[in-house]
Amino acid sequence: MKIICWILVGFYLLFCCKAEEGLNFPTYDGKDRVIDLNEKNYKQALKKYDMLCLLFHEPVSSDKVSQKQFQMTEMVLELAAQVLEPRSIGFGMVDSKKDAKLAKKLGLLEEGSLYVFKDERLVEFDGELSADVLVEFLLDLLEDPVEVINSKLELQAFDQIDDEIKLIGYFKGEDSEHFKAFEEAAEQFQPYVKFFATFEKGVAKKLGLKMNEVDFYEPFMDEPVHIPDKPYSEEELVDFVREHRRATLRKLRPEDMFETWEDDMEGIHIVAFAEEDDPDGFEFLEILKQVARDNTNNPDLSIVWIDPDDFPLLITYWEKTFKIDLFRPQIGVVNVTDVSSTCPE
C-alpha cells in the first residue's frame, strides 16, 4: 500500500527553483551518491556513515511508467543524500529479489519501505517520500532522543506543542539511573514521539512533577496522564507508550502519515478535513477537540484530522475520490483498506 500512496502523494523535488528574494533551493548536482547495496559492500557502508537510509524496493519492471516512477524515487534519495552528505548520512537501495539474502539479514521486510540504521537500531520511515520531509525526519533522528528544558521560556515552547504525543520527566540529573532509563525508552520511539526532561525544581513545580515522575500528554488534551508506579524501568515506559500511543484525535502529518493512516483500527477512521488558518476550519477543529476530550477513554474511536494545506498535491485527488469540496470543513468515515468504499460527507 505504501508504494501506491507514495505515487499518490507525489514528490516535492526542488529542482531549479528560486525564491523571490534570491534564496536558492538545492538543485541536483549530477553526482551519484545512492549506493546499490549488496552482500559485498553493505558492511563497509554501515561503518562509513553515522546513519544509513535504505530503500527496500521490488525489482523494477520493464514498462516505462514503472521505470519513470522508480527514477523519481531515486532522485528524491539523491537530492536528500546531497543535502545531508556533510552530516555523514548515507543512502542506498536493496532489490528485494536480487538481494533477498541481504534484506533478510538486515531485517528489511516490506517492499517500498524506507529503513534507517542508527546505532544498531532499525527505524522505519513512515512519512511522505519527498526530499524535504525525508531530510527533516533524518535531522530529527540525529538529535538527542531527549530534549532538556532548563528555563521558563523553554517551558513555554513545550506548552505550545499540542498536536503531538509528548512525555516529560523530572530527574536529579543526566547521571541519574532513572533518567538513563527514560533516555533509553526515548530511543525506541525517536523521532515519532517527543521526550522531554527537566532537572530544574522550578520547572518541575510548574508542571506538577515530583522527582522521577513522568507525565504523558495525549494530543489536544487539556491535562497530562501521570504514568503510575514511579520510578520506571525502560521496559515499563516503552510498554506504557505503546499501549497509549494511539490518540483519540490525531493530525495527519507528512512525516508519519502511513503510521497514522494504517493503525490497528481495522482501517476505519472518522476523517475530518479542516484548514486551521481558516475561521470556519478553526471553529470546526475546536469542536473536534472537545469531542475527543469527552471521549478520550473510548478505545474504539479514531479521529484523523487532515489540514489540506499540509498536502497540496493531494487536494485534487481527495476531492475526486471522496466527492467533497475541501474549501470548507468536511467530515466522514473512511475505510482505508478499501478506498472505493469511503464516503465522507
C-alpha atoms as a PDB file:
ATOM      1  CA  MET A   1       0.000   0.000   0.000  1.00  0.00           C
ATOM      2  CA  LYS A   2       2.917   2.354   0.690  1.00  0.00           C
ATOM      3  CA  ILE A   3       4.064   2.176  -2.914  1.00  0.00           C
ATOM      4  CA  ILE A   4       0.616   3.263  -4.095  1.00  0.00           C
ATOM      5  CA  CYS A   5       0.467   6.071  -1.539  1.00  0.00           C
ATOM      6  CA  TRP A   6       3.911   7.340  -2.490  1.00  0.00           C
ATOM      7  CA  ILE A   7       2.769   7.605  -6.091  1.00  0.00           C
ATOM      8  CA  LEU A   8      -0.353   9.458  -4.991  1.00  0.00           C
ATOM      9  CA  VAL A   9       1.328  11.988  -2.775  1.00  0.00           C
ATOM     10  CA  GLY A  10       3.793  12.980  -5.463  1.00  0.00           C
ATOM     11  CA  PHE A  11       7.308  14.188  -4.986  1.00  0.00           C
ATOM     12  CA  TYR A  12       8.446  17.640  -3.886  1.00  0.00           C
ATOM     13  CA  LEU A  13      11.611  17.744  -5.952  1.00  0.00           C
ATOM     14  CA  LEU A  14      13.292  21.099  -5.547  1.00  0.00           C
ATOM     15  CA  PHE A  15      14.879  21.460  -8.968  1.00  0.00           C
ATOM     16  CA  CYS A  16      15.914  24.808 -10.401  1.00  0.00           C
ATOM     17  CA  CYS A  17      13.615  26.750  -8.080  1.00  0.00           C
ATOM     18  CA  LYS A  18      14.439  30.195  -6.705  1.00  0.00           C
ATOM     19  CA  ALA A  19      12.716  32.187  -4.007  1.00  0.00           C
ATOM     20  CA  GLU A  20      11.598  35.664  -4.948  1.00  0.00           C
ATOM     21  CA  GLU A  21      14.179  37.244  -2.660  1.00  0.00           C
ATOM     22  CA  GLY A  22      17.070  35.298  -4.141  1.00  0.00           C
ATOM     23  CA  LEU A  23      17.399  32.272  -1.817  1.00  0.00           C
ATOM     24  CA  ASN A  24      18.305  29.230  -3.884  1.00  0.00           C
ATOM     25  CA  PHE A  25      16.778  25.844  -3.180  1.00  0.00           C
ATOM     26  CA  PRO A  26      19.078  22.826  -3.562  1.00  0.00           C
ATOM     27  CA  THR A  27      19.428  21.522  -7.094  1.00  0.00           C
ATOM     28  CA  TYR A  28      20.793  18.119  -8.017  1.00  0.00           C
ATOM     29  CA  ASP A  29      24.474  18.434  -8.908  1.00  0.00           C
ATOM     30  CA  GLY A  30      24.611  15.271 -11.019  1.00  0.00           C
ATOM     31  CA  LYS A  31      26.812  13.265  -8.648  1.00  0.00           C
ATOM     32  CA  ASP A  32      25.530   9.766  -7.824  1.00  0.00           C
ATOM     33  CA  ARG A  33      25.529   9.199  -4.070  1.00  0.00           C
ATOM     34  CA  VAL A  34      22.890   6.475  -3.638  1.00  0.00           C
ATOM     35  CA  ILE A  35      24.563   3.067  -3.293  1.00  0.00           C
ATOM     36  CA  ASP A  36      23.298  -0.153  -4.854  1.00  0.00           C
ATOM     37  CA  LEU A  37      23.729  -2.194  -1.697  1.00  0.00           C
ATOM     38  CA  ASN A  38      24.706  -5.870  -1.826  1.00  0.00           C
ATOM     39  CA  GLU A  39      26.333  -8.503   0.398  1.00  0.00           C
ATOM     40  CA  LYS A  40      29.797  -7.370  -0.630  1.00  0.00           C
ATOM     41  CA  ASN A  41      29.540  -3.680   0.265  1.00  0.00           C
ATOM     42  CA  TYR A  42      26.892  -3.374   2.995  1.00  0.00           C
ATOM     43  CA  LYS A  43      29.278  -3.769   5.967  1.00  0.00           C
ATOM     44  CA  GLN A  44      31.530  -1.042   4.610  1.00  0.00           C
ATOM     45  CA  ALA A  45      28.524   1.266   4.140  1.00  0.00           C
ATOM     46  CA  LEU A  46      27.291   0.652   7.691  1.00  0.00           C
ATOM     47  CA  LYS A  47      30.727   1.542   9.070  1.00  0.00           C
ATOM     48  CA  LYS A  48      31.196   4.585   6.849  1.00  0.00           C
ATOM     49  CA  TYR A  49      28.078   6.514   7.847  1.00  0.00           C
ATOM     50  CA  ASP A  50      26.600   7.564  11.177  1.00  0.00           C
ATOM     51  CA  MET A  51      23.207   6.728   9.684  1.00  0.00           C
ATOM     52  CA  LEU A  52      22.359   4.687   6.601  1.00  0.00           C
ATOM     53  CA  CYS A  53      18.989   5.116   4.868  1.00  0.00           C
ATOM     54  CA  LEU A  54      17.893   2.212   2.637  1.00  0.00           C
ATOM     55  CA  LEU A  55      15.019   1.872   0.187  1.00  0.00           C
ATOM     56  CA  PHE A  56      13.832  -1.749   0.021  1.00  0.00           C
ATOM     57  CA  HIS A  57      12.236  -1.988  -3.411  1.00  0.00           C
ATOM     58  CA  GLU A  58      10.737  -4.600  -5.680  1.00  0.00           C
ATOM     59  CA  PRO A  59      12.510  -5.328  -8.978  1.00  0.00           C
ATOM     60  CA  VAL A  60      11.936  -2.570 -11.492  1.00  0.00           C
ATOM     61  CA  SER A  61       9.677  -3.812 -14.294  1.00  0.00           C
ATOM     62  CA  SER A  62      10.326  -3.092 -17.924  1.00  0.00           C
ATOM     63  CA  ASP A  63       7.327  -0.827 -18.558  1.00  0.00           C
ATOM     64  CA  LYS A  64       8.092   2.868 -18.927  1.00  0.00           C
ATOM     65  CA  VAL A  65       5.676   4.052 -16.232  1.00  0.00           C
ATOM     66  CA  SER A  66       7.283   1.866 -13.555  1.00  0.00           C
ATOM     67  CA  GLN A  67      10.759   2.896 -14.643  1.00  0.00           C
ATOM     68  CA  LYS A  68       9.810   6.578 -14.520  1.00  0.00           C
ATOM     69  CA  GLN A  69       8.344   6.205 -11.040  1.00  0.00           C
ATOM     70  CA  PHE A  70      11.489   4.451  -9.854  1.00  0.00           C
ATOM     71  CA  GLN A  71      13.674   7.185 -11.325  1.00  0.00           C
ATOM     72  CA  MET A  72      11.628   9.830  -9.482  1.00  0.00           C
ATOM     73  CA  THR A  73      12.025   7.915  -6.213  1.00  0.00           C
ATOM     74  CA  GLU A  74      15.755   7.558  -6.803  1.00  0.00           C
ATOM     75  CA  MET A  75      16.029  11.279  -7.479  1.00  0.00           C
ATOM     76  CA  VAL A  76      14.372  12.063  -4.139  1.00  0.00           C
ATOM     77  CA  LEU A  77      17.038   9.962  -2.427  1.00  0.00           C
ATOM     78  CA  GLU A  78      19.832  11.545  -4.480  1.00  0.00           C
ATOM     79  CA  LEU A  79      18.768  15.053  -3.517  1.00  0.00           C
ATOM     80  CA  ALA A  80      18.426  14.116   0.150  1.00  0.00           C
ATOM     81  CA  ALA A  81      21.828  12.414   0.024  1.00  0.00           C
ATOM     82  CA  GLN A  82      23.386  15.538  -1.464  1.00  0.00           C
ATOM     83  CA  VAL A  83      21.908  17.818   1.199  1.00  0.00           C
ATOM     84  CA  LEU A  84      22.858  15.502   4.072  1.00  0.00           C
ATOM     85  CA  GLU A  85      26.307  14.454   2.850  1.00  0.00           C
ATOM     86  CA  PRO A  86      28.087  16.735   5.392  1.00  0.00           C
ATOM     87  CA  ARG A  87      26.108  15.042   8.197  1.00  0.00           C
ATOM     88  CA  SER A  88      27.550  11.573   7.435  1.00  0.00           C
ATOM     89  CA  ILE A  89      24.187  10.167   6.349  1.00  0.00           C
ATOM     90  CA  GLY A  90      24.355   7.617   3.535  1.00  0.00           C
ATOM     91  CA  PHE A  91      21.667   6.351   1.185  1.00  0.00           C
ATOM     92  CA  GLY A  92      21.246   3.049  -0.593  1.00  0.00           C
ATOM     93  CA  MET A  93      18.844   0.702  -2.357  1.00  0.00           C
ATOM     94  CA  VAL A  94      18.211  -3.002  -1.822  1.00  0.00           C
ATOM     95  CA  ASP A  95      16.471  -5.062  -4.527  1.00  0.00           C
ATOM     96  CA  SER A  96      14.015  -7.476  -2.907  1.00  0.00           C
ATOM     97  CA  LYS A  97      14.732 -10.210  -5.463  1.00  0.00           C
ATOM     98  CA  LYS A  98      18.394  -9.737  -6.374  1.00  0.00           C
ATOM     99  CA  ASP A  99      19.456  -9.060  -2.783  1.00  0.00           C
ATOM    100  CA  ALA A 100      16.903 -11.189  -0.913  1.00  0.00           C
ATOM    101  CA  LYS A 101      19.522 -12.728   1.403  1.00  0.00           C
ATOM    102  CA  LEU A 102      20.872  -9.315   2.371  1.00  0.00           C
ATOM    103  CA  ALA A 103      17.377  -7.996   3.005  1.00  0.00           C
ATOM    104  CA  LYS A 104      16.655 -10.893   5.363  1.00  0.00           C
ATOM    105  CA  LYS A 105      19.973 -10.362   7.141  1.00  0.00           C
ATOM    106  CA  LEU A 106      19.247  -6.646   7.649  1.00  0.00           C
ATOM    107  CA  GLY A 107      15.623  -7.181   8.718  1.00  0.00           C
ATOM    108  CA  LEU A 108      14.046  -5.436   5.723  1.00  0.00           C
ATOM    109  CA  LEU A 109      10.509  -6.759   5.434  1.00  0.00           C
ATOM    110  CA  GLU A 110       8.140  -4.582   3.409  1.00  0.00           C
ATOM    111  CA  GLU A 111       8.779  -3.701  -0.222  1.00  0.00           C
ATOM    112  CA  GLY A 112       8.516   0.015  -0.851  1.00  0.00           C
ATOM    113  CA  SER A 113       9.611   0.894   2.675  1.00  0.00           C
ATOM    114  CA  LEU A 114      12.480   3.128   3.698  1.00  0.00           C
ATOM    115  CA  TYR A 115      14.638   1.956   6.622  1.00  0.00           C
ATOM    116  CA  VAL A 116      17.248   3.860   8.628  1.00  0.00           C
ATOM    117  CA  PHE A 117      20.130   2.251  10.502  1.00  0.00           C
ATOM    118  CA  LYS A 118      21.361   4.231  13.507  1.00  0.00           C
ATOM    119  CA  ASP A 119      23.459   2.874  16.386  1.00  0.00           C
ATOM    120  CA  GLU A 120      22.433  -0.721  15.701  1.00  0.00           C
ATOM    121  CA  ARG A 121      18.780   0.347  15.629  1.00  0.00           C
ATOM    122  CA  LEU A 122      16.482  -0.088  12.652  1.00  0.00           C
ATOM    123  CA  VAL A 123      13.939   2.722  12.210  1.00  0.00           C
ATOM    124  CA  GLU A 124      11.257   2.620   9.534  1.00  0.00           C
ATOM    125  CA  PHE A 125      10.346   5.897   7.839  1.00  0.00           C
ATOM    126  CA  ASP A 126       6.556   6.152   7.743  1.00  0.00           C
ATOM    127  CA  GLY A 127       6.258   9.511   6.036  1.00  0.00           C
ATOM    128  CA  GLU A 128       5.728  11.058   2.649  1.00  0.00           C
ATOM    129  CA  LEU A 129       8.622  10.285   0.314  1.00  0.00           C
ATOM    130  CA  SER A 130       9.669  13.794  -0.572  1.00  0.00           C
ATOM    131  CA  ALA A 131      13.125  15.291  -0.201  1.00  0.00           C
ATOM    132  CA  ASP A 132      12.135  17.977   2.310  1.00  0.00           C
ATOM    133  CA  VAL A 133      10.141  15.637   4.575  1.00  0.00           C
ATOM    134  CA  LEU A 134      12.829  12.946   4.490  1.00  0.00           C
ATOM    135  CA  VAL A 135      15.639  15.408   5.262  1.00  0.00           C
ATOM    136  CA  GLU A 136      13.725  16.860   8.219  1.00  0.00           C
ATOM    137  CA  PHE A 137      12.987  13.349   9.538  1.00  0.00           C
ATOM    138  CA  LEU A 138      16.644  12.308   9.371  1.00  0.00           C
ATOM    139  CA  LEU A 139      17.847  15.520  11.010  1.00  0.00           C
ATOM    140  CA  ASP A 140      15.381  14.905  13.857  1.00  0.00           C
ATOM    141  CA  LEU A 141      16.749  11.382  14.167  1.00  0.00           C
ATOM    142  CA  LEU A 142      20.268  12.800  14.536  1.00  0.00           C
ATOM    143  CA  GLU A 143      19.236  14.842  17.582  1.00  0.00           C
ATOM    144  CA  ASP A 144      19.453  13.601  21.165  1.00  0.00           C
ATOM    145  CA  PRO A 145      16.397  11.449  21.962  1.00  0.00           C
ATOM    146  CA  VAL A 146      15.520  13.623  24.984  1.00  0.00           C
ATOM    147  CA  GLU A 147      15.301  17.406  24.917  1.00  0.00           C
ATOM    148  CA  VAL A 148      16.150  19.048  28.233  1.00  0.00           C
ATOM    149  CA  ILE A 149      14.078  22.007  29.449  1.00  0.00           C
ATOM    150  CA  ASN A 150      16.004  24.408  31.654  1.00  0.00           C
ATOM    151  CA  SER A 151      14.017  27.652  31.647  1.00  0.00           C
ATOM    152  CA  LYS A 152      10.535  29.181  31.688  1.00  0.00           C
ATOM    153  CA  LEU A 153      10.947  30.223  28.045  1.00  0.00           C
ATOM    154  CA  GLU A 154      11.722  26.653  27.003  1.00  0.00           C
ATOM    155  CA  LEU A 155       8.738  25.511  29.054  1.00  0.00           C
ATOM    156  CA  GLN A 156       6.515  27.912  27.113  1.00  0.00           C
ATOM    157  CA  ALA A 157       7.743  26.347  23.874  1.00  0.00           C
ATOM    158  CA  PHE A 158       6.945  22.912  25.314  1.00  0.00           C
ATOM    159  CA  ASP A 159       3.409  24.046  26.154  1.00  0.00           C
ATOM    160  CA  GLN A 160       2.865  25.165  22.555  1.00  0.00           C
ATOM    161  CA  ILE A 161       3.223  21.585  21.294  1.00  0.00           C
ATOM    162  CA  ASP A 162      -0.347  20.293  21.389  1.00  0.00           C
ATOM    163  CA  ASP A 163      -0.734  18.174  18.249  1.00  0.00           C
ATOM    164  CA  GLU A 164       1.872  15.506  19.080  1.00  0.00           C
ATOM    165  CA  ILE A 165       2.409  12.902  21.771  1.00  0.00           C
ATOM    166  CA  LYS A 166       4.972  14.109  24.283  1.00  0.00           C
ATOM    167  CA  LEU A 167       6.395  12.903  27.575  1.00  0.00           C
ATOM    168  CA  ILE A 168       8.256  14.890  30.198  1.00  0.00           C
ATOM    169  CA  GLY A 169      10.045  13.688  33.323  1.00  0.00           C
ATOM    170  CA  TYR A 170      11.743  15.304  36.304  1.00  0.00           C
ATOM    171  CA  PHE A 171      15.088  13.810  37.288  1.00  0.00           C
ATOM    172  CA  LYS A 172      18.036  14.629  39.519  1.00  0.00           C
ATOM    173  CA  GLY A 173      20.456  14.931  36.604  1.00  0.00           C
ATOM    174  CA  GLU A 174      21.873  13.345  33.474  1.00  0.00           C
ATOM    175  CA  ASP A 175      23.731  10.762  35.548  1.00  0.00           C
ATOM    176  CA  SER A 176      20.559   9.570  37.259  1.00  0.00           C
ATOM    177  CA  GLU A 177      19.779   5.923  36.553  1.00  0.00           C
ATOM    178  CA  HIS A 178      16.127   6.883  36.205  1.00  0.00           C
ATOM    179  CA  PHE A 179      16.932   9.497  33.554  1.00  0.00           C
ATOM    180  CA  LYS A 180      19.036   6.936  31.690  1.00  0.00           C
ATOM    181  CA  ALA A 181      16.065   4.539  31.624  1.00  0.00           C
ATOM    182  CA  PHE A 182      13.900   7.385  30.315  1.00  0.00           C
ATOM    183  CA  GLU A 183      16.518   8.187  27.660  1.00  0.00           C
ATOM    184  CA  GLU A 184      16.743   4.551  26.538  1.00  0.00           C
ATOM    185  CA  ALA A 185      12.956   4.393  26.221  1.00  0.00           C
ATOM    186  CA  ALA A 186      13.013   7.592  24.150  1.00  0.00           C
ATOM    187  CA  GLU A 187      15.400   5.970  21.680  1.00  0.00           C
ATOM    188  CA  GLN A 188      12.769   3.336  20.910  1.00  0.00           C
ATOM    189  CA  PHE A 189      10.334   5.968  19.613  1.00  0.00           C
ATOM    190  CA  GLN A 190      12.597   8.654  18.175  1.00  0.00           C
ATOM    191  CA  PRO A 191      11.674  10.763  16.254  1.00  0.00           C
ATOM    192  CA  TYR A 192       7.949   9.914  16.235  1.00  0.00           C
ATOM    193  CA  VAL A 193       7.292  10.568  19.945  1.00  0.00           C
ATOM    194  CA  LYS A 194       8.851  13.560  21.680  1.00  0.00           C
ATOM    195  CA  PHE A 195      10.556  13.044  25.041  1.00  0.00           C
ATOM    196  CA  PHE A 196      11.475  15.956  27.323  1.00  0.00           C
ATOM    197  CA  ALA A 197      13.147  16.140  30.709  1.00  0.00           C
ATOM    198  CA  THR A 198      13.963  18.775  33.300  1.00  0.00           C
ATOM    199  CA  PHE A 199      16.450  18.849  36.151  1.00  0.00           C
ATOM    200  CA  GLU A 200      15.161  22.177  37.435  1.00  0.00           C
ATOM    201  CA  LYS A 201      12.960  22.217  40.547  1.00  0.00           C
ATOM    202  CA  GLY A 202      11.137  25.395  39.448  1.00  0.00           C
ATOM    203  CA  VAL A 203      10.205  23.938  36.062  1.00  0.00           C
ATOM    204  CA  ALA A 204       9.078  20.691  37.674  1.00  0.00           C
ATOM    205  CA  LYS A 205       6.887  22.610  40.124  1.00  0.00           C
ATOM    206  CA  LYS A 206       5.107  24.423  37.299  1.00  0.00           C
ATOM    207  CA  LEU A 207       4.497  21.063  35.624  1.00  0.00           C
ATOM    208  CA  GLY A 208       3.312  19.441  38.835  1.00  0.00           C
ATOM    209  CA  LEU A 209       6.030  16.796  38.646  1.00  0.00           C
ATOM    210  CA  LYS A 210       7.705  15.040  41.549  1.00  0.00           C
ATOM    211  CA  MET A 211      11.207  13.586  41.399  1.00  0.00           C
ATOM    212  CA  ASN A 212      11.488  10.678  38.904  1.00  0.00           C
ATOM    213  CA  GLU A 213       7.876  11.178  37.776  1.00  0.00           C
ATOM    214  CA  VAL A 214       6.885  11.216  34.102  1.00  0.00           C
ATOM    215  CA  ASP A 215       3.781  12.753  32.515  1.00  0.00           C
ATOM    216  CA  PHE A 216       2.272  11.550  29.248  1.00  0.00           C
ATOM    217  CA  TYR A 217       0.495  14.117  27.056  1.00  0.00           C
ATOM    218  CA  GLU A 218      -2.046  12.929  24.503  1.00  0.00           C
ATOM    219  CA  PRO A 219      -2.522  15.313  21.544  1.00  0.00           C
ATOM    220  CA  PHE A 220      -5.131  18.044  22.096  1.00  0.00           C
ATOM    221  CA  MET A 221      -5.886  17.007  25.693  1.00  0.00           C
ATOM    222  CA  ASP A 222      -6.002  19.659  28.422  1.00  0.00           C
ATOM    223  CA  GLU A 223      -4.292  17.623  31.129  1.00  0.00           C
ATOM    224  CA  PRO A 224      -1.496  15.027  31.073  1.00  0.00           C
ATOM    225  CA  VAL A 225      -1.647  11.496  32.465  1.00  0.00           C
ATOM    226  CA  HIS A 226       0.711  10.672  35.318  1.00  0.00           C
ATOM    227  CA  ILE A 227       2.420   7.384  34.466  1.00  0.00           C
ATOM    228  CA  PRO A 228       1.903   5.217  37.578  1.00  0.00           C
ATOM    229  CA  ASP A 229       4.386   3.302  39.733  1.00  0.00           C
ATOM    230  CA  LYS A 230       7.447   5.534  39.563  1.00  0.00           C
ATOM    231  CA  PRO A 231      10.405   5.128  39.284  1.00  0.00           C
ATOM    232  CA  TYR A 232      10.216   3.277  35.991  1.00  0.00           C
ATOM    233  CA  SER A 233      12.323   0.850  34.032  1.00  0.00           C
ATOM    234  CA  GLU A 234      12.902   1.308  30.307  1.00  0.00           C
ATOM    235  CA  GLU A 235      10.556  -1.597  29.590  1.00  0.00           C
ATOM    236  CA  GLU A 236       7.735  -0.114  31.683  1.00  0.00           C
ATOM    237  CA  LEU A 237       7.968   3.228  29.894  1.00  0.00           C
ATOM    238  CA  VAL A 238       8.068   1.571  26.467  1.00  0.00           C
ATOM    239  CA  ASP A 239       5.056  -0.596  27.296  1.00  0.00           C
ATOM    240  CA  PHE A 240       3.059   2.409  28.532  1.00  0.00           C
ATOM    241  CA  VAL A 241       3.760   4.467  25.403  1.00  0.00           C
ATOM    242  CA  ARG A 242       2.869   1.578  23.109  1.00  0.00           C
ATOM    243  CA  GLU A 243      -0.392   0.998  24.964  1.00  0.00           C
ATOM    244  CA  HIS A 244      -1.406   4.666  24.897  1.00  0.00           C
ATOM    245  CA  ARG A 245       0.176   5.795  21.641  1.00  0.00           C
ATOM    246  CA  ARG A 246      -2.966   5.879  19.501  1.00  0.00           C
ATOM    247  CA  ALA A 247      -4.574   9.171  20.409  1.00  0.00           C
ATOM    248  CA  THR A 248      -8.304   9.791  20.058  1.00  0.00           C
ATOM    249  CA  LEU A 249      -7.662  12.768  17.772  1.00  0.00           C
ATOM    250  CA  ARG A 250      -4.561  12.815  15.588  1.00  0.00           C
ATOM    251  CA  LYS A 251      -3.293  15.172  12.971  1.00  0.00           C
ATOM    252  CA  LEU A 252      -2.113  13.576   9.742  1.00  0.00           C
ATOM    253  CA  ARG A 253       1.454  14.769   9.258  1.00  0.00           C
ATOM    254  CA  PRO A 254       3.765  14.251   6.272  1.00  0.00           C
ATOM    255  CA  GLU A 255       6.487  12.746   8.465  1.00  0.00           C
ATOM    256  CA  ASP A 256       4.378   9.866   9.859  1.00  0.00           C
ATOM    257  CA  MET A 257       1.286   9.752   7.663  1.00  0.00           C
ATOM    258  CA  PHE A 258       1.429   5.993   6.996  1.00  0.00           C
ATOM    259  CA  GLU A 259       1.666   5.053  10.652  1.00  0.00           C
ATOM    260  CA  THR A 260      -1.388   7.197  11.385  1.00  0.00           C
ATOM    261  CA  TRP A 261      -3.329   6.011   8.358  1.00  0.00           C
ATOM    262  CA  GLU A 262      -2.587   2.302   8.779  1.00  0.00           C
ATOM    263  CA  ASP A 263      -3.041   1.749  12.502  1.00  0.00           C
ATOM    264  CA  ASP A 264      -4.772  -1.040  14.406  1.00  0.00           C
ATOM    265  CA  MET A 265      -8.329   0.249  13.996  1.00  0.00           C
ATOM    266  CA  GLU A 266      -9.025  -2.254  11.186  1.00  0.00           C
ATOM    267  CA  GLY A 267      -8.736   0.588   8.712  1.00  0.00           C
ATOM    268  CA  ILE A 268     -11.757   2.539   9.988  1.00  0.00           C
ATOM    269  CA  HIS A 269     -11.354   6.219  10.888  1.00  0.00           C
ATOM    270  CA  ILE A 270     -13.518   9.274  11.298  1.00  0.00           C
ATOM    271  CA  VAL A 271     -11.716  11.690   8.996  1.00  0.00           C
ATOM    272  CA  ALA A 272     -12.083  15.454   9.225  1.00  0.00           C
ATOM    273  CA  PHE A 273     -10.707  17.902   6.671  1.00  0.00           C
ATOM    274  CA  ALA A 274     -10.253  21.413   8.044  1.00  0.00           C
ATOM    275  CA  GLU A 275      -7.838  24.289   7.432  1.00  0.00           C
ATOM    276  CA  GLU A 276      -6.529  25.506  10.775  1.00  0.00           C
ATOM    277  CA  ASP A 277      -5.889  29.025   9.460  1.00  0.00           C
ATOM    278  CA  ASP A 278      -9.424  29.343   8.093  1.00  0.00           C
ATOM    279  CA  PRO A 279     -12.022  30.768  10.558  1.00  0.00           C
ATOM    280  CA  ASP A 280     -14.577  28.048   9.757  1.00  0.00           C
ATOM    281  CA  GLY A 281     -11.878  25.380   9.931  1.00  0.00           C
ATOM    282  CA  PHE A 282     -10.596  26.673  13.279  1.00  0.00           C
ATOM    283  CA  GLU A 283     -14.095  26.637  14.777  1.00  0.00           C
ATOM    284  CA  PHE A 284     -14.669  23.133  13.435  1.00  0.00           C
ATOM    285  CA  LEU A 285     -11.392  21.937  14.961  1.00  0.00           C
ATOM    286  CA  GLU A 286     -12.323  23.282  18.378  1.00  0.00           C
ATOM    287  CA  ILE A 287     -15.483  21.154  18.245  1.00  0.00           C
ATOM    288  CA  LEU A 288     -13.428  18.105  17.241  1.00  0.00           C
ATOM    289  CA  LYS A 289     -11.017  18.670  20.117  1.00  0.00           C
ATOM    290  CA  GLN A 290     -13.872  18.841  22.602  1.00  0.00           C
ATOM    291  CA  VAL A 291     -15.402  15.641  21.209  1.00  0.00           C
ATOM    292  CA  ALA A 292     -12.005  13.951  21.581  1.00  0.00           C
ATOM    293  CA  ARG A 293     -11.624  15.176  25.175  1.00  0.00           C
ATOM    294  CA  ASP A 294     -15.089  13.934  26.072  1.00  0.00           C
ATOM    295  CA  ASN A 295     -14.346  10.516  24.563  1.00  0.00           C
ATOM    296  CA  THR A 296     -10.659  10.111  25.276  1.00  0.00           C
ATOM    297  CA  ASN A 297     -11.237   6.798  27.097  1.00  0.00           C
ATOM    298  CA  ASN A 298     -13.086   5.220  24.175  1.00  0.00           C
ATOM    299  CA  PRO A 299     -10.624   2.728  22.611  1.00  0.00           C
ATOM    300  CA  ASP A 300     -12.792   2.322  19.501  1.00  0.00           C
ATOM    301  CA  LEU A 301     -12.796   5.975  18.477  1.00  0.00           C
ATOM    302  CA  SER A 302     -10.220   7.197  15.959  1.00  0.00           C
ATOM    303  CA  ILE A 303     -10.459  10.725  14.566  1.00  0.00           C
ATOM    304  CA  VAL A 304      -7.899  11.792  11.991  1.00  0.00           C
ATOM    305  CA  TRP A 305      -7.636  15.498  11.243  1.00  0.00           C
ATOM    306  CA  ILE A 306      -6.218  16.472   7.859  1.00  0.00           C
ATOM    307  CA  ASP A 307      -5.245  20.050   7.096  1.00  0.00           C
ATOM    308  CA  PRO A 308      -5.350  20.253   3.269  1.00  0.00           C
ATOM    309  CA  ASP A 309      -2.685  22.976   3.380  1.00  0.00           C
ATOM    310  CA  ASP A 310      -0.178  20.326   4.505  1.00  0.00           C
ATOM    311  CA  PHE A 311      -0.809  18.180   1.406  1.00  0.00           C
ATOM    312  CA  PRO A 312      -1.312  20.498  -1.578  1.00  0.00           C
ATOM    313  CA  LEU A 313      -0.605  17.769  -4.149  1.00  0.00           C
ATOM    314  CA  LEU A 314      -3.313  15.544  -2.695  1.00  0.00           C
ATOM    315  CA  ILE A 315      -6.186  18.038  -2.617  1.00  0.00           C
ATOM    316  CA  THR A 316      -7.464  17.252  -6.107  1.00  0.00           C
ATOM    317  CA  TYR A 317      -7.126  13.511  -5.526  1.00  0.00           C
ATOM    318  CA  TRP A 318      -9.058  13.649  -2.231  1.00  0.00           C
ATOM    319  CA  GLU A 319     -11.787  15.838  -3.697  1.00  0.00           C
ATOM    320  CA  LYS A 320     -12.246  13.453  -6.613  1.00  0.00           C
ATOM    321  CA  THR A 321     -12.051  10.271  -4.517  1.00  0.00           C
ATOM    322  CA  PHE A 322     -14.352  11.416  -1.735  1.00  0.00           C
ATOM    323  CA  LYS A 323     -16.509  13.734  -3.888  1.00  0.00           C
ATOM    324  CA  ILE A 324     -16.082  16.658  -1.494  1.00  0.00           C
ATOM    325  CA  ASP A 325     -15.154  20.343  -1.567  1.00  0.00           C
ATOM    326  CA  LEU A 326     -12.079  20.987   0.576  1.00  0.00           C
ATOM    327  CA  PHE A 327     -12.628  24.754   0.594  1.00  0.00           C
ATOM    328  CA  ARG A 328     -14.853  24.136   3.609  1.00  0.00           C
ATOM    329  CA  PRO A 329     -14.636  21.690   6.570  1.00  0.00           C
ATOM    330  CA  GLN A 330     -15.683  18.107   5.839  1.00  0.00           C
ATOM    331  CA  ILE A 331     -16.162  15.023   7.997  1.00  0.00           C
ATOM    332  CA  GLY A 332     -16.928  11.396   7.244  1.00  0.00           C
ATOM    333  CA  VAL A 333     -15.985   7.769   7.828  1.00  0.00           C
ATOM    334  CA  VAL A 334     -13.148   6.267   5.808  1.00  0.00           C
ATOM    335  CA  ASN A 335     -12.145   2.639   5.370  1.00  0.00           C
ATOM    336  CA  VAL A 336      -8.521   2.950   4.254  1.00  0.00           C
ATOM    337  CA  THR A 337      -8.328  -0.741   3.354  1.00  0.00           C
ATOM    338  CA  ASP A 338     -10.902  -0.156   0.616  1.00  0.00           C
ATOM    339  CA  VAL A 339     -10.685   3.438  -0.647  1.00  0.00           C
ATOM    340  CA  SER A 340     -13.542   2.877  -3.104  1.00  0.00           C
ATOM    341  CA  SER A 341     -15.936   2.407  -0.211  1.00  0.00           C
ATOM    342  CA  THR A 342     -15.093   5.663   1.548  1.00  0.00           C
ATOM    343  CA  CYS A 343     -17.715   8.345   1.750  1.00  0.00           C
ATOM    344  CA  PRO A 344     -17.023  11.485   3.801  1.00  0.00           C
ATOM    345  CA  GLU A 345     -19.968  13.853   3.928  1.00  0.00           C
END
